[in-house]
Amino acid sequence: QVQLVESGGGLVQPGGSLRLSCAASRSIFSIYAMGWYRQAPGKQRELVATITSGGSTNYADSVKGRFTISRDNAKNTVYLQMNSLRPEDTAVYYCYGRDNIYSNPDWGQGTQVTVSS
């Protein structure tokens, strides 16, 4: 099990950028997959981006070309760089970590991202 703490959310204007951070309570070197989900009011939680221990990445179609996920194993942290933000990106963003393909994911508490003029 790993504890995850997100930071970096806030209010930004359309077209702006934010970088979310997800700090883990222990080494993430061997964690199979980490990533980000988001949940907007009245909507289901949806996958935004994932990154595996081998560095493979996957993105939702809606964020491809705008968002970049990365991981710094030395700092036990996963990042989500979000550029060209749109109002529809407004949501609570949750970090998750999955130790292996059979384990249930651990979740952070979430960080609010609001894109509005």
N, C-alpha and C. Protein backbone atom coordinates (compact mmCIF):
# COMPACT_ATOMS: atom_id res chain seq x y z
N GLN A 1 0.85 -1.19 0.00
CA GLN A 1 0.00 0.00 0.00
C GLN A 1 0.88 1.23 0.00
N VAL A 2 0.42 2.28 -0.65
CA VAL A 2 1.17 3.52 -0.71
C VAL A 2 0.22 4.68 -0.47
N GLN A 3 0.67 5.66 0.33
CA GLN A 3 -0.10 6.88 0.52
C GLN A 3 0.33 7.89 -0.53
N LEU A 4 -0.67 8.58 -1.07
CA LEU A 4 -0.43 9.52 -2.16
C LEU A 4 -1.00 10.88 -1.80
N VAL A 5 -0.25 11.93 -2.05
CA VAL A 5 -0.69 13.29 -1.76
C VAL A 5 -0.52 14.15 -3.01
N GLU A 6 -1.64 14.67 -3.50
CA GLU A 6 -1.61 15.53 -4.69
C GLU A 6 -1.43 16.99 -4.28
N SER A 7 -0.87 17.76 -5.19
CA SER A 7 -0.76 19.20 -5.02
C SER A 7 -0.67 19.84 -6.39
N GLY A 8 -0.85 21.17 -6.41
CA GLY A 8 -0.67 21.90 -7.66
C GLY A 8 -1.94 22.35 -8.34
N GLY A 9 -3.08 21.96 -7.80
CA GLY A 9 -4.33 22.41 -8.40
C GLY A 9 -4.58 23.88 -8.14
N GLY A 10 -5.63 24.40 -8.78
CA GLY A 10 -5.96 25.80 -8.58
C GLY A 10 -6.85 26.32 -9.67
N LEU A 11 -6.97 27.65 -9.72
CA LEU A 11 -7.77 28.34 -10.71
C LEU A 11 -6.86 28.88 -11.81
N VAL A 12 -7.20 28.61 -13.05
CA VAL A 12 -6.40 29.07 -14.17
C VAL A 12 -7.33 29.50 -15.30
N GLN A 13 -6.89 30.45 -16.10
CA GLN A 13 -7.69 30.90 -17.23
C GLN A 13 -7.58 29.92 -18.40
N PRO A 14 -8.58 29.88 -19.26
CA PRO A 14 -8.48 29.04 -20.46
C PRO A 14 -7.22 29.35 -21.24
N GLY A 15 -6.56 28.28 -21.69
CA GLY A 15 -5.29 28.43 -22.39
C GLY A 15 -4.08 28.39 -21.48
N GLY A 16 -4.31 28.43 -20.19
CA GLY A 16 -3.21 28.43 -19.23
C GLY A 16 -2.68 27.04 -18.94
N SER A 17 -1.73 27.00 -18.00
CA SER A 17 -1.07 25.75 -17.65
C SER A 17 -1.03 25.54 -16.14
N LEU A 18 -1.00 24.28 -15.76
CA LEU A 18 -0.79 23.89 -14.37
C LEU A 18 0.04 22.61 -14.36
N ARG A 19 0.78 22.40 -13.29
CA ARG A 19 1.47 21.13 -13.10
C ARG A 19 1.03 20.52 -11.79
N LEU A 20 0.44 19.35 -11.87
CA LEU A 20 0.04 18.61 -10.68
C LEU A 20 1.18 17.69 -10.25
N SER A 21 1.31 17.53 -8.95
CA SER A 21 2.30 16.61 -8.39
C SER A 21 1.60 15.59 -7.51
N CYS A 22 2.13 14.40 -7.49
CA CYS A 22 1.61 13.33 -6.65
C CYS A 22 2.81 12.71 -5.92
N ALA A 23 2.91 13.00 -4.63
CA ALA A 23 4.02 12.51 -3.83
C ALA A 23 3.62 11.22 -3.12
N ALA A 24 4.46 10.21 -3.26
CA ALA A 24 4.19 8.90 -2.64
C ALA A 24 4.94 8.75 -1.33
N SER A 25 4.40 7.90 -0.46
CA SER A 25 4.97 7.72 0.87
C SER A 25 6.16 6.76 0.88
N ARG A 26 6.38 6.11 -0.24
CA ARG A 26 7.52 5.20 -0.33
C ARG A 26 8.03 5.18 -1.77
N SER A 27 9.04 4.39 -2.01
CA SER A 27 9.62 4.32 -3.34
C SER A 27 8.58 3.89 -4.37
N ILE A 28 8.60 4.58 -5.51
CA ILE A 28 7.68 4.22 -6.59
C ILE A 28 8.39 3.45 -7.68
N PHE A 29 9.66 3.12 -7.46
CA PHE A 29 10.46 2.49 -8.51
C PHE A 29 9.80 1.25 -9.06
N SER A 30 9.23 0.44 -8.18
CA SER A 30 8.67 -0.84 -8.63
C SER A 30 7.15 -0.83 -8.74
N ILE A 31 6.54 0.32 -8.54
CA ILE A 31 5.08 0.37 -8.66
C ILE A 31 4.71 0.20 -10.13
N TYR A 32 3.85 -0.76 -10.40
CA TYR A 32 3.53 -1.15 -11.77
C TYR A 32 3.00 0.02 -12.60
N ALA A 33 2.06 0.75 -12.05
CA ALA A 33 1.46 1.86 -12.80
C ALA A 33 1.01 2.95 -11.85
N MET A 34 1.16 4.16 -12.31
CA MET A 34 0.65 5.32 -11.58
C MET A 34 0.00 6.24 -12.60
N GLY A 35 -0.88 7.09 -12.09
CA GLY A 35 -1.52 7.99 -13.05
C GLY A 35 -2.53 8.89 -12.41
N TRP A 36 -3.36 9.44 -13.27
CA TRP A 36 -4.34 10.43 -12.85
C TRP A 36 -5.72 10.11 -13.44
N TYR A 37 -6.71 10.26 -12.58
CA TYR A 37 -8.10 10.26 -12.99
C TYR A 37 -8.66 11.64 -12.65
N ARG A 38 -9.80 11.96 -13.21
CA ARG A 38 -10.50 13.18 -12.83
C ARG A 38 -12.00 12.94 -12.77
N GLN A 39 -12.64 13.77 -11.97
CA GLN A 39 -14.09 13.67 -11.84
C GLN A 39 -14.69 15.06 -11.80
N ALA A 40 -15.51 15.35 -12.79
CA ALA A 40 -16.22 16.63 -12.85
C ALA A 40 -17.57 16.46 -12.16
N PRO A 41 -18.17 17.57 -11.71
CA PRO A 41 -19.47 17.49 -11.03
C PRO A 41 -20.51 16.80 -11.90
N GLY A 42 -21.19 15.81 -11.33
CA GLY A 42 -22.24 15.11 -12.04
C GLY A 42 -21.77 14.10 -13.06
N LYS A 43 -20.46 13.87 -13.12
CA LYS A 43 -19.91 12.93 -14.10
C LYS A 43 -19.14 11.82 -13.40
N GLN A 44 -18.94 10.73 -14.15
CA GLN A 44 -18.15 9.63 -13.61
C GLN A 44 -16.67 9.97 -13.64
N ARG A 45 -15.93 9.30 -12.75
CA ARG A 45 -14.48 9.46 -12.76
C ARG A 45 -13.93 8.87 -14.05
N GLU A 46 -13.02 9.60 -14.68
CA GLU A 46 -12.46 9.15 -15.95
C GLU A 46 -10.94 9.17 -15.91
N LEU A 47 -10.36 8.23 -16.65
CA LEU A 47 -8.91 8.15 -16.73
C LEU A 47 -8.36 9.33 -17.54
N VAL A 48 -7.31 9.94 -17.04
CA VAL A 48 -6.65 11.04 -17.75
C VAL A 48 -5.34 10.55 -18.37
N ALA A 49 -4.48 9.96 -17.54
CA ALA A 49 -3.18 9.53 -18.03
C ALA A 49 -2.58 8.50 -17.08
N THR A 50 -1.79 7.59 -17.65
CA THR A 50 -1.08 6.62 -16.84
C THR A 50 0.36 6.50 -17.30
N ILE A 51 1.21 6.04 -16.38
CA ILE A 51 2.59 5.76 -16.72
C ILE A 51 3.02 4.51 -15.97
N THR A 52 3.67 3.60 -16.67
CA THR A 52 4.08 2.34 -16.05
C THR A 52 5.50 2.45 -15.49
N SER A 53 5.90 1.42 -14.77
CA SER A 53 7.25 1.40 -14.21
C SER A 53 8.30 1.42 -15.32
N GLY A 54 7.91 0.95 -16.49
CA GLY A 54 8.83 0.96 -17.63
C GLY A 54 8.81 2.24 -18.42
N GLY A 55 7.94 3.15 -18.03
CA GLY A 55 7.90 4.46 -18.69
C GLY A 55 6.88 4.59 -19.80
N SER A 56 6.11 3.53 -20.05
CA SER A 56 5.07 3.63 -21.07
C SER A 56 3.94 4.52 -20.58
N THR A 57 3.40 5.30 -21.49
CA THR A 57 2.34 6.24 -21.12
C THR A 57 1.09 6.00 -21.95
N ASN A 58 -0.03 6.44 -21.38
CA ASN A 58 -1.31 6.33 -22.06
C ASN A 58 -2.14 7.54 -21.66
N TYR A 59 -2.87 8.10 -22.63
CA TYR A 59 -3.65 9.31 -22.38
C TYR A 59 -5.08 9.16 -22.89
N ALA A 60 -5.99 9.84 -22.22
CA ALA A 60 -7.34 9.97 -22.75
C ALA A 60 -7.27 10.80 -24.03
N ASP A 61 -8.13 10.49 -24.98
CA ASP A 61 -8.11 11.22 -26.24
C ASP A 61 -8.30 12.72 -26.04
N SER A 62 -9.08 13.07 -25.04
CA SER A 62 -9.42 14.48 -24.81
C SER A 62 -8.22 15.31 -24.34
N VAL A 63 -7.15 14.65 -23.88
CA VAL A 63 -6.00 15.41 -23.36
C VAL A 63 -4.72 15.18 -24.16
N LYS A 64 -4.77 14.29 -25.13
CA LYS A 64 -3.58 14.01 -25.94
C LYS A 64 -3.07 15.28 -26.61
N GLY A 65 -1.76 15.46 -26.53
CA GLY A 65 -1.15 16.65 -27.12
C GLY A 65 -1.16 17.86 -26.22
N ARG A 66 -1.91 17.79 -25.12
CA ARG A 66 -1.98 18.93 -24.19
C ARG A 66 -1.39 18.58 -22.82
N PHE A 67 -1.57 17.34 -22.39
CA PHE A 67 -1.11 16.90 -21.06
C PHE A 67 0.07 15.95 -21.22
N THR A 68 0.98 16.00 -20.25
CA THR A 68 2.13 15.10 -20.24
C THR A 68 2.31 14.54 -18.83
N ILE A 69 2.36 13.22 -18.74
CA ILE A 69 2.60 12.57 -17.46
C ILE A 69 4.07 12.14 -17.40
N SER A 70 4.64 12.26 -16.21
CA SER A 70 6.03 11.83 -16.02
C SER A 70 6.20 11.35 -14.58
N ARG A 71 7.28 10.63 -14.34
CA ARG A 71 7.55 10.16 -12.99
C ARG A 71 9.02 10.37 -12.67
N ASP A 72 9.30 10.79 -11.43
CA ASP A 72 10.65 10.96 -10.95
C ASP A 72 10.84 9.97 -9.82
N ASN A 73 11.46 8.85 -10.12
CA ASN A 73 11.62 7.80 -9.11
C ASN A 73 12.48 8.26 -7.94
N ALA A 74 13.43 9.13 -8.19
CA ALA A 74 14.30 9.61 -7.11
C ALA A 74 13.53 10.44 -6.10
N LYS A 75 12.48 11.12 -6.56
CA LYS A 75 11.67 11.96 -5.67
C LYS A 75 10.35 11.29 -5.28
N ASN A 76 10.15 10.06 -5.75
CA ASN A 76 8.90 9.34 -5.45
C ASN A 76 7.68 10.16 -5.83
N THR A 77 7.74 10.78 -6.98
CA THR A 77 6.69 11.72 -7.39
C THR A 77 6.31 11.50 -8.85
N VAL A 78 5.02 11.62 -9.10
CA VAL A 78 4.48 11.61 -10.46
C VAL A 78 3.90 12.98 -10.75
N TYR A 79 4.10 13.43 -11.97
CA TYR A 79 3.65 14.77 -12.37
C TYR A 79 2.65 14.67 -13.51
N LEU A 80 1.79 15.69 -13.59
CA LEU A 80 0.91 15.85 -14.75
C LEU A 80 1.02 17.30 -15.19
N GLN A 81 1.72 17.51 -16.29
CA GLN A 81 1.82 18.85 -16.87
C GLN A 81 0.63 19.06 -17.77
N MET A 82 -0.14 20.10 -17.49
CA MET A 82 -1.37 20.37 -18.24
C MET A 82 -1.23 21.72 -18.93
N ASN A 83 -1.25 21.70 -20.25
CA ASN A 83 -1.16 22.92 -21.05
C ASN A 83 -2.44 23.13 -21.84
N SER A 84 -2.62 24.32 -22.34
CA SER A 84 -3.79 24.66 -23.16
C SER A 84 -5.07 24.21 -22.48
N LEU A 85 -5.19 24.56 -21.23
CA LEU A 85 -6.34 24.11 -20.45
C LEU A 85 -7.64 24.71 -20.97
N ARG A 86 -8.69 23.91 -20.84
CA ARG A 86 -10.02 24.28 -21.32
C ARG A 86 -11.00 24.22 -20.16
N PRO A 87 -12.11 24.93 -20.26
CA PRO A 87 -13.11 24.85 -19.18
C PRO A 87 -13.56 23.42 -18.90
N GLU A 88 -13.60 22.59 -19.92
CA GLU A 88 -14.03 21.21 -19.72
C GLU A 88 -13.01 20.35 -18.99
N ASP A 89 -11.82 20.89 -18.73
CA ASP A 89 -10.84 20.19 -17.90
C ASP A 89 -11.10 20.40 -16.42
N THR A 90 -12.06 21.25 -16.09
CA THR A 90 -12.39 21.51 -14.69
C THR A 90 -12.87 20.23 -14.03
N ALA A 91 -12.23 19.86 -12.93
CA ALA A 91 -12.55 18.62 -12.23
C ALA A 91 -11.67 18.50 -10.99
N VAL A 92 -12.00 17.52 -10.17
CA VAL A 92 -11.08 17.10 -9.11
C VAL A 92 -10.19 16.03 -9.72
N TYR A 93 -8.89 16.21 -9.59
CA TYR A 93 -7.92 15.29 -10.16
C TYR A 93 -7.36 14.40 -9.04
N TYR A 94 -7.42 13.10 -9.29
CA TYR A 94 -6.98 12.11 -8.31
C TYR A 94 -5.77 11.34 -8.84
N CYS A 95 -4.78 11.21 -8.01
CA CYS A 95 -3.62 10.37 -8.33
C CYS A 95 -3.89 8.95 -7.85
N TYR A 96 -3.38 7.98 -8.58
CA TYR A 96 -3.50 6.59 -8.13
C TYR A 96 -2.20 5.85 -8.36
N GLY A 97 -2.04 4.77 -7.61
CA GLY A 97 -0.90 3.89 -7.79
C GLY A 97 -1.34 2.45 -7.65
N ARG A 98 -0.81 1.61 -8.53
CA ARG A 98 -1.17 0.19 -8.51
C ARG A 98 0.12 -0.61 -8.47
N ASP A 99 0.31 -1.39 -7.39
CA ASP A 99 1.57 -2.10 -7.20
C ASP A 99 1.82 -3.14 -8.30
N ASN A 100 0.79 -3.84 -8.71
CA ASN A 100 0.91 -4.81 -9.79
C ASN A 100 -0.44 -4.93 -10.47
N ILE A 101 -0.51 -5.76 -11.51
CA ILE A 101 -1.73 -5.82 -12.30
C ILE A 101 -2.88 -6.47 -11.54
N TYR A 102 -2.58 -7.13 -10.42
CA TYR A 102 -3.63 -7.81 -9.66
C TYR A 102 -4.12 -7.01 -8.47
N SER A 103 -3.38 -5.98 -8.09
CA SER A 103 -3.71 -5.26 -6.87
C SER A 103 -4.72 -4.15 -7.12
N ASN A 104 -5.47 -3.83 -6.06
CA ASN A 104 -6.37 -2.68 -6.13
C ASN A 104 -5.55 -1.40 -6.06
N PRO A 105 -6.01 -0.34 -6.71
CA PRO A 105 -5.25 0.91 -6.69
C PRO A 105 -5.39 1.62 -5.35
N ASP A 106 -4.35 2.36 -4.99
CA ASP A 106 -4.40 3.31 -3.88
C ASP A 106 -4.66 4.69 -4.47
N TRP A 107 -5.37 5.52 -3.71
CA TRP A 107 -5.80 6.83 -4.22
C TRP A 107 -5.33 7.96 -3.31
N GLY A 108 -5.08 9.09 -3.92
CA GLY A 108 -4.87 10.31 -3.17
C GLY A 108 -6.20 10.96 -2.84
N GLN A 109 -6.13 12.11 -2.16
CA GLN A 109 -7.36 12.77 -1.70
C GLN A 109 -7.97 13.67 -2.77
N GLY A 110 -7.21 13.95 -3.82
CA GLY A 110 -7.71 14.78 -4.91
C GLY A 110 -7.30 16.24 -4.78
N THR A 111 -7.19 16.88 -5.93
CA THR A 111 -6.89 18.31 -5.97
C THR A 111 -7.78 18.96 -7.02
N GLN A 112 -8.34 20.10 -6.69
CA GLN A 112 -9.30 20.77 -7.57
C GLN A 112 -8.57 21.58 -8.64
N VAL A 113 -9.00 21.38 -9.88
CA VAL A 113 -8.54 22.21 -10.99
C VAL A 113 -9.76 22.90 -11.59
N THR A 114 -9.70 24.22 -11.65
CA THR A 114 -10.80 25.01 -12.21
C THR A 114 -10.25 25.88 -13.33
N VAL A 115 -10.84 25.71 -14.51
CA VAL A 115 -10.43 26.50 -15.67
C VAL A 115 -11.57 27.45 -16.02
N SER A 116 -11.34 28.72 -15.78
CA SER A 116 -12.40 29.69 -15.97
C SER A 116 -11.81 31.08 -16.14
N SER A 117 -12.50 31.90 -16.93
CA SER A 117 -12.08 33.28 -17.09
C SER A 117 -12.81 34.17 -16.09
